[in-house]
Protein backbone atom coordinates (compact mmCIF):
# COMPACT_ATOMS: atom_id res chain seq x y z
CA MET A 1 0.00 0.00 0.00
CA PRO A 2 1.41 3.42 -0.90
CA SER A 3 3.01 5.51 1.83
CA LYS A 4 1.04 8.44 3.24
CA THR A 5 4.01 10.78 3.02
CA ALA A 6 6.71 9.65 0.59
CA LYS A 7 6.40 10.79 -3.02
CA PRO A 8 6.60 8.12 -5.74
CA ASP A 9 10.15 7.48 -6.91
CA ARG A 10 11.20 7.25 -10.53
CA PRO A 11 13.68 4.37 -10.75
CA ASN A 12 16.72 5.01 -12.94
CA GLN A 13 15.14 8.22 -14.33
CA THR A 14 12.98 6.19 -16.74
CA PRO A 15 9.50 7.46 -17.66
CA ARG A 16 7.07 7.08 -14.79
CA SER A 17 4.88 4.02 -15.17
CA VAL A 18 1.15 4.81 -15.14
CA VAL A 19 -1.12 1.77 -15.11
CA PHE A 20 -4.86 2.07 -15.79
CA VAL A 21 -7.03 -0.75 -14.47
CA VAL A 22 -10.18 -1.44 -16.48
CA TYR A 23 -13.00 -4.00 -16.47
CA PRO A 24 -16.16 -4.52 -18.54
CA ASP A 25 -18.51 -1.53 -18.96
CA ILE A 26 -16.14 1.26 -17.98
CA THR A 27 -16.94 4.84 -18.98
CA LEU A 28 -14.62 5.44 -21.92
CA LEU A 29 -13.93 9.09 -21.08
CA ASP A 30 -12.87 8.07 -17.55
CA LEU A 31 -9.99 6.28 -19.23
CA VAL A 32 -9.07 8.36 -22.26
CA GLY A 33 -9.23 11.76 -20.51
CA PRO A 34 -6.51 11.04 -17.92
CA LEU A 35 -4.70 8.80 -20.43
CA GLN A 36 -4.40 11.74 -22.81
CA VAL A 37 -3.01 13.94 -20.03
CA PHE A 38 -0.27 11.49 -19.11
CA SER A 39 0.50 10.71 -22.75
CA HIS A 40 1.00 14.46 -23.44
CA ALA A 41 3.18 15.12 -20.42
CA GLU A 42 6.85 15.93 -20.92
CA ASP A 43 9.59 16.16 -18.33
CA PRO A 44 10.65 19.84 -18.53
CA ALA A 45 14.18 18.96 -17.46
CA THR A 46 14.79 16.57 -20.37
CA GLN A 47 11.89 17.20 -22.81
CA ASP A 48 11.38 13.43 -22.75
CA LYS A 49 8.02 11.74 -22.22
CA GLY A 50 7.17 11.99 -18.57
CA TYR A 51 5.11 8.81 -18.38
CA ALA A 52 4.79 5.38 -19.93
CA CYS A 53 1.15 4.29 -19.89
CA GLN A 54 -0.35 0.80 -19.85
CA VAL A 55 -3.95 -0.43 -19.69
CA VAL A 56 -4.57 -3.70 -17.86
CA SER A 57 -7.48 -5.92 -16.92
CA VAL A 58 -7.66 -9.12 -14.90
CA SER A 59 -7.21 -11.48 -17.84
CA GLY A 60 -6.14 -9.13 -20.62
CA GLY A 61 -7.66 -9.02 -24.09
CA MET A 62 -10.42 -6.77 -25.41
CA ILE A 63 -12.60 -5.09 -22.78
CA GLY A 64 -15.97 -3.55 -23.63
CA THR A 65 -16.82 0.01 -22.62
CA ASN A 66 -20.06 1.97 -22.33
CA THR A 67 -19.67 2.90 -26.00
CA VAL A 68 -19.40 0.88 -29.23
CA LEU A 69 -15.62 0.74 -28.70
CA SER A 70 -13.70 -2.01 -26.95
CA ILE A 71 -10.12 -1.51 -25.79
CA PRO A 72 -7.11 -3.85 -25.85
CA THR A 73 -5.56 -4.61 -22.47
CA GLN A 74 -2.67 -6.54 -20.97
CA PRO A 75 -3.26 -9.04 -18.18
CA ALA A 76 -2.55 -7.61 -14.74
CA SER A 77 -0.24 -10.56 -14.03
CA SER A 78 2.14 -9.28 -16.73
CA LEU A 79 3.15 -6.45 -14.37
CA GLN A 80 4.23 -8.73 -11.57
CA GLY A 81 7.63 -7.62 -10.33
CA HIS A 82 7.51 -4.34 -12.30
CA PRO A 83 7.44 -1.08 -10.32
CA ILE A 84 4.34 1.07 -10.81
CA HIS A 85 4.59 4.79 -10.29
CA THR A 86 0.83 5.55 -10.43
CA LEU A 87 -2.00 3.01 -10.44
CA ILE A 88 -5.38 4.35 -11.59
CA VAL A 89 -8.67 2.45 -11.37
CA VAL A 90 -11.11 3.67 -14.01
CA GLY A 91 -14.82 4.19 -13.32
CA GLY A 92 -18.07 3.26 -15.00
CA GLN A 93 -21.25 1.26 -14.45
CA GLY A 94 -19.07 -1.84 -14.33
CA ALA A 95 -17.62 -0.63 -11.03
CA ILE A 96 -20.67 -1.93 -9.13
CA PRO A 97 -20.19 -5.57 -10.18
CA GLY A 98 -16.45 -4.84 -10.20
CA MET A 99 -16.34 -4.11 -6.47
CA ARG A 100 -17.77 -7.61 -5.92
CA ASP A 101 -15.34 -9.27 -8.35
CA THR A 102 -12.83 -10.98 -6.07
CA GLN A 103 -10.29 -11.42 -8.87
CA LEU A 104 -10.40 -7.75 -9.84
CA VAL A 105 -10.22 -6.55 -6.22
CA ALA A 106 -7.30 -8.90 -5.50
CA ALA A 107 -5.46 -7.74 -8.63
CA VAL A 108 -5.86 -4.08 -7.64
CA ARG A 109 -4.70 -4.83 -4.10
CA ASP A 110 -1.61 -6.71 -5.38
CA MET A 111 -0.63 -4.00 -7.86
CA ALA A 112 -1.11 -1.29 -5.23
CA LYS A 113 1.53 -2.94 -3.02
CA GLY A 114 4.22 -1.96 -5.50
CA ALA A 115 2.75 1.41 -6.52
CA GLY A 116 4.01 4.77 -5.37
CA ARG A 117 0.58 6.34 -5.88
CA VAL A 118 -2.94 4.90 -6.18
CA ALA A 119 -5.89 6.76 -7.71
CA SER A 120 -9.41 6.31 -8.99
CA VAL A 121 -11.56 8.09 -11.54
CA CYS A 122 -15.25 8.49 -10.76
CA SER A 123 -16.86 5.24 -9.53
CA GLY A 124 -13.51 3.48 -9.68
CA ALA A 125 -13.41 4.51 -6.01
CA LEU A 126 -15.82 1.62 -5.32
CA VAL A 127 -13.19 -0.87 -6.49
CA LEU A 128 -10.46 0.89 -4.52
CA ALA A 129 -12.68 0.81 -1.44
CA ALA A 130 -13.41 -2.90 -1.89
CA SER A 131 -9.66 -3.54 -1.89
CA GLY A 132 -9.33 -1.74 1.46
CA LEU A 133 -7.16 1.01 0.01
CA LEU A 134 -9.52 3.78 1.09
CA ASP A 135 -10.04 2.63 4.67
CA GLY A 136 -9.62 5.59 7.02
CA ARG A 137 -9.01 7.99 4.15
CA ARG A 138 -10.90 10.93 2.73
CA ALA A 139 -12.35 10.08 -0.68
CA VAL A 140 -14.76 11.32 -3.30
CA THR A 141 -16.53 9.83 -6.29
CA HIS A 142 -19.25 10.92 -8.70
CA TRP A 143 -22.04 12.60 -6.73
CA ASP A 144 -24.46 9.85 -7.79
CA ASP A 145 -22.25 7.18 -6.17
CA CYS A 146 -21.24 8.99 -2.96
CA ALA A 147 -24.08 7.47 -0.92
CA ARG A 148 -23.30 3.98 -2.20
CA LEU A 149 -19.61 4.42 -1.37
CA ALA A 150 -20.39 5.64 2.16
CA GLU A 151 -23.00 2.97 2.90
CA THR A 152 -21.09 0.02 1.43
CA PHE A 153 -17.71 1.01 2.87
CA PRO A 154 -18.26 2.79 6.19
CA LYS A 155 -14.52 2.96 6.93
CA VAL A 156 -14.11 5.42 4.05
CA ARG A 157 -14.46 9.13 4.92
CA VAL A 158 -16.62 10.12 1.94
CA GLU A 159 -16.87 13.79 0.97
CA LEU A 160 -19.61 14.90 -1.40
CA ASP A 161 -18.35 18.10 -2.99
CA PRO A 162 -14.67 18.19 -4.13
CA ILE A 163 -13.70 17.43 -7.71
CA PHE A 164 -10.80 15.36 -6.40
CA ILE A 165 -9.12 14.56 -3.10
CA GLN A 166 -5.51 13.71 -2.29
CA ASP A 167 -5.04 11.85 0.99
CA GLY A 168 -1.36 10.98 1.22
CA GLN A 169 -0.51 9.00 -1.89
CA VAL A 170 -4.10 7.97 -2.55
CA TRP A 171 -6.13 10.16 -4.90
CA THR A 172 -9.82 9.93 -5.81
CA SER A 173 -11.84 12.04 -8.22
CA ALA A 174 -15.45 12.87 -9.00
CA GLY A 175 -17.14 12.22 -12.33
CA ILE A 176 -15.48 12.01 -15.76
CA THR A 177 -13.86 15.41 -16.44
CA ALA A 178 -12.72 15.60 -12.81
CA GLY A 179 -10.41 12.72 -13.73
CA ILE A 180 -8.67 15.10 -16.13
CA ASP A 181 -8.35 17.68 -13.36
CA MET A 182 -6.85 15.04 -11.06
CA ALA A 183 -4.43 13.88 -13.75
CA LEU A 184 -3.28 17.46 -14.34
CA ALA A 185 -2.76 17.91 -10.60
CA ILE A 186 -0.68 14.72 -10.49
CA VAL A 187 1.45 15.97 -13.38
CA SER A 188 1.88 19.26 -11.54
CA GLU A 189 3.09 17.41 -8.45
CA ASP A 190 5.47 15.20 -10.44
CA LEU A 191 6.77 17.51 -13.18
CA GLY A 192 5.85 21.01 -12.01
CA ARG A 193 2.99 23.38 -12.68
CA ALA A 194 4.42 24.59 -16.00
CA ALA A 195 4.21 21.06 -17.40
CA ALA A 196 0.57 20.77 -16.33
CA LEU A 197 -0.28 24.17 -17.83
CA LYS A 198 1.31 23.16 -21.12
CA ILE A 199 -0.94 20.08 -21.31
CA ALA A 200 -4.04 22.07 -20.35
CA ARG A 201 -3.34 24.53 -23.18
CA ALA A 202 -2.77 21.71 -25.66
CA MET A 203 -6.04 20.05 -24.66
CA VAL A 204 -7.90 23.40 -24.62
CA ALA A 205 -8.85 22.47 -21.06
CA GLN A 206 -9.90 24.79 -18.29
CA MET A 207 -6.98 26.02 -16.21
CA VAL A 208 -5.72 23.43 -13.75
CA ARG A 209 -8.33 23.34 -10.98
CA SER A 210 -7.68 22.64 -7.33
CA GLY A 211 -9.27 19.55 -5.85
CA GLY A 212 -11.12 21.64 -3.28
CA GLN A 213 -13.42 23.11 -5.89
CA SER A 214 -16.96 21.82 -6.17
CA GLN A 215 -18.03 19.10 -8.60
CA TYR A 216 -21.44 20.84 -8.81
CA SER A 217 -21.81 23.43 -11.57
CA PRO A 218 -24.13 26.33 -10.63
CA ALA A 219 -24.71 27.07 -14.32
CA LEU A 220 -25.68 23.45 -15.00
CA THR A 221 -27.95 23.48 -11.96
CA ARG A 222 -29.77 26.50 -13.40
CA GLN A 223 -30.18 24.73 -16.72
CA LEU A 224 -31.53 21.59 -15.06
CA ARG A 225 -34.07 23.56 -13.00
CA ASP A 226 -35.07 25.58 -16.05
CA GLY A 227 -35.65 22.42 -18.06
CA ALA A 228 -37.82 24.12 -20.68
CA GLY A 229 -35.20 26.83 -21.22
CA ARG A 230 -37.70 29.57 -20.43
CA PHE A 231 -35.07 31.84 -18.89
CA GLU A 232 -32.03 30.68 -20.85
CA SER A 233 -31.73 33.83 -22.96
CA LEU A 234 -32.21 35.96 -19.84
CA HIS A 235 -29.34 34.16 -18.09
CA LEU A 236 -27.10 34.80 -21.09
CA TRP A 237 -28.07 38.48 -21.01
CA ILE A 238 -27.36 38.68 -17.27
CA SER A 239 -23.96 37.08 -17.82
CA ASP A 240 -23.13 39.77 -20.40
CA ASN A 241 -24.34 42.61 -18.17
CA LEU A 242 -23.20 41.73 -14.66
CA ASP A 243 -21.77 45.21 -14.12
CA ALA A 244 -25.20 46.81 -14.76
CA PRO A 245 -27.82 47.55 -12.05
CA LEU A 246 -29.78 44.31 -12.48
CA THR A 247 -32.99 45.13 -10.63
CA VAL A 248 -36.05 42.91 -10.78
CA GLU A 249 -37.64 45.55 -13.02
CA ALA A 250 -34.69 45.45 -15.43
CA LEU A 251 -34.75 41.65 -15.55
CA ALA A 252 -38.50 41.59 -16.05
CA ALA A 253 -38.25 44.07 -18.93
CA GLU A 254 -35.59 41.92 -20.61
CA ALA A 255 -37.81 38.86 -20.16
CA GLY A 256 -40.83 40.74 -21.55
CA MET A 257 -42.88 40.30 -18.38
CA SER A 258 -44.29 42.44 -15.60
CA ALA A 259 -42.08 42.65 -12.53
CA ARG A 260 -44.60 40.83 -10.34
CA ASN A 261 -45.28 38.02 -12.79
CA PHE A 262 -41.58 37.66 -13.56
CA ALA A 263 -40.51 37.37 -9.90
CA ARG A 264 -43.21 34.76 -9.23
CA SER A 265 -42.52 32.72 -12.39
CA TYR A 266 -38.76 32.84 -11.95
CA ALA A 267 -38.89 31.66 -8.34
CA LYS A 268 -41.27 28.83 -9.27
CA SER A 269 -39.01 27.63 -12.12
CA LEU A 270 -35.59 28.13 -10.55
CA GLY A 271 -36.33 27.66 -6.86
CA THR A 272 -34.66 30.95 -5.96
CA THR A 273 -35.35 34.66 -6.27
CA PRO A 274 -34.01 36.72 -9.18
CA ALA A 275 -31.84 38.74 -6.79
CA LYS A 276 -30.21 35.62 -5.36
CA ALA A 277 -29.65 34.23 -8.85
CA VAL A 278 -27.93 37.43 -9.98
CA GLU A 279 -25.73 37.41 -6.89
CA ALA A 280 -24.78 33.77 -7.53
CA MET A 281 -23.82 34.57 -11.13
CA ARG A 282 -21.75 37.53 -9.97
CA VAL A 283 -19.96 35.30 -7.46
CA GLU A 284 -19.30 32.71 -10.19
CA ARG A 285 -17.74 35.36 -12.45
CA ALA A 286 -15.71 36.76 -9.55
CA GLN A 287 -14.46 33.25 -8.74
CA GLU A 288 -13.24 32.86 -12.31
CA LEU A 289 -11.44 36.21 -12.26
CA LEU A 290 -9.88 35.56 -8.85
CA GLU A 291 -8.58 32.22 -10.13
CA THR A 292 -7.26 33.31 -13.51
CA SER A 293 -6.50 37.04 -13.48
CA SER A 294 -4.16 39.44 -11.72
CA ARG A 295 -6.89 42.07 -11.29
CA SER A 296 -7.34 43.52 -7.82
CA ALA A 297 -10.33 42.59 -5.68
CA LYS A 298 -11.65 46.13 -6.15
CA GLN A 299 -11.47 45.82 -9.95
CA ILE A 300 -13.17 42.44 -9.87
CA ALA A 301 -15.93 43.73 -7.61
CA THR A 302 -16.62 46.53 -10.10
CA LEU A 303 -16.53 44.25 -13.16
CA CYS A 304 -18.95 41.82 -11.54
CA GLY A 305 -21.42 44.48 -10.43
CA PHE A 306 -20.86 44.31 -6.68
CA ARG A 307 -19.99 48.03 -6.58
CA SER A 308 -17.64 47.56 -3.61
CA GLU A 309 -15.21 45.01 -2.19
CA ASP A 310 -17.28 44.76 0.96
CA ARG A 311 -20.42 43.79 -0.96
CA MET A 312 -18.44 41.14 -2.82
CA ARG A 313 -16.95 39.84 0.43
CA ARG A 314 -20.40 39.48 2.00
CA ALA A 315 -21.72 37.69 -1.10
CA PHE A 316 -18.77 35.25 -1.01
CA LEU A 317 -19.33 34.53 2.67
CA ARG A 318 -23.03 33.90 2.04
CA GLY A 319 -22.53 31.69 -0.99
CA LEU A 320 -19.18 29.99 -0.39
CA GLY A 321 -18.41 30.48 3.27
CA VAL A 322 -15.04 32.02 2.42
CA SER A 323 -13.78 35.52 1.65
CA PRO A 324 -12.55 36.52 -1.84
CA THR A 325 -9.01 36.88 -0.46
CA ASP A 326 -9.01 33.38 1.01
CA TYR A 327 -10.61 32.00 -2.15
CA ARG A 328 -7.88 33.50 -4.34
CA GLN A 329 -5.10 32.19 -2.08
CA ARG A 330 -6.53 28.70 -2.28
CA PHE A 331 -7.50 28.43 -5.92
CA ARG A 332 -5.63 31.04 -7.93
CA ALA A 333 -3.83 29.78 -11.02
CA GLU A 334 -0.43 31.18 -11.83
CA VAL A 335 -0.90 34.23 -14.05
CA THR A 336 1.98 35.22 -16.26
CA SER A 337 2.54 38.78 -17.39
CA GLY A 338 0.50 39.55 -20.48
CA GLY A 339 -1.58 36.38 -20.09
CA ALA A 340 -5.22 36.08 -21.00
CA GLY A 341 -6.32 36.99 -17.53
CA SER A 342 -4.08 39.97 -16.93
CA ALA A 343 -5.53 43.41 -16.34
């Protein structure tokens, strides 16, 4: 089992071995997203490939996914005696029968003994938990599987919100694209932040996100609640005019409704008041700017329509339970001079 403190070694300066464990009915993107990250990664010191990737299953051969594609794999036994830098268990609907598959669980447990780091993508955490590798550790999985993970494996300290969690040398991630975030964070730990940023740019991915950020998207939540798309164009307009005085009257006029009817209809559809929705969108935009730009808090407050730093601070405390300053310190990406986010 990997150490809680020691970082994975790289024997003889060879590329770091990353082994993906799959089984029938995995989610294909759970595999290929992180696989693409590690395949892109270069060691900045040598410009050589940073990782050598392999995909294994219990018996090897072609393994079906949740798409029309099957993937070729090596048998897990072929790695016996070979050091593994990072072992990653992929997720998918097959993880539920997989956590009950004694051969798969035993194979994961055996490979983990020689691995410097162990990780899971999405519901792959169920297989890790079945192997005992998450006992006593903080862990996360896709929000739809968090209850199952907690109930089936009570020794695991399940957290519902983060996109990924690192507990010592064991990493777990939430659903699908969070596996890419986790992989980028692993690259950053191994090869440095510049190497991770280079991959993110190449993949046209969002800037490397910290694991403490939420796996729940406020924008997606709005879309789900507004299933018929009644206020979709209004939300786009709000997003383009956050620095304007967005009163209920102004929103109602844009929606082509009376203020009273608009406020009632909006609250019924979205489960929140227009004022709270506007504040949430302003906080979301401010989060993005705090993470990716070098603008001052005062500038960001003005751009997002808060009118003052104090108003923005109170909105952050209400919505996130943290101040803008603390948020920036925790999640801010490195901003280079002249970058896209610079003032």
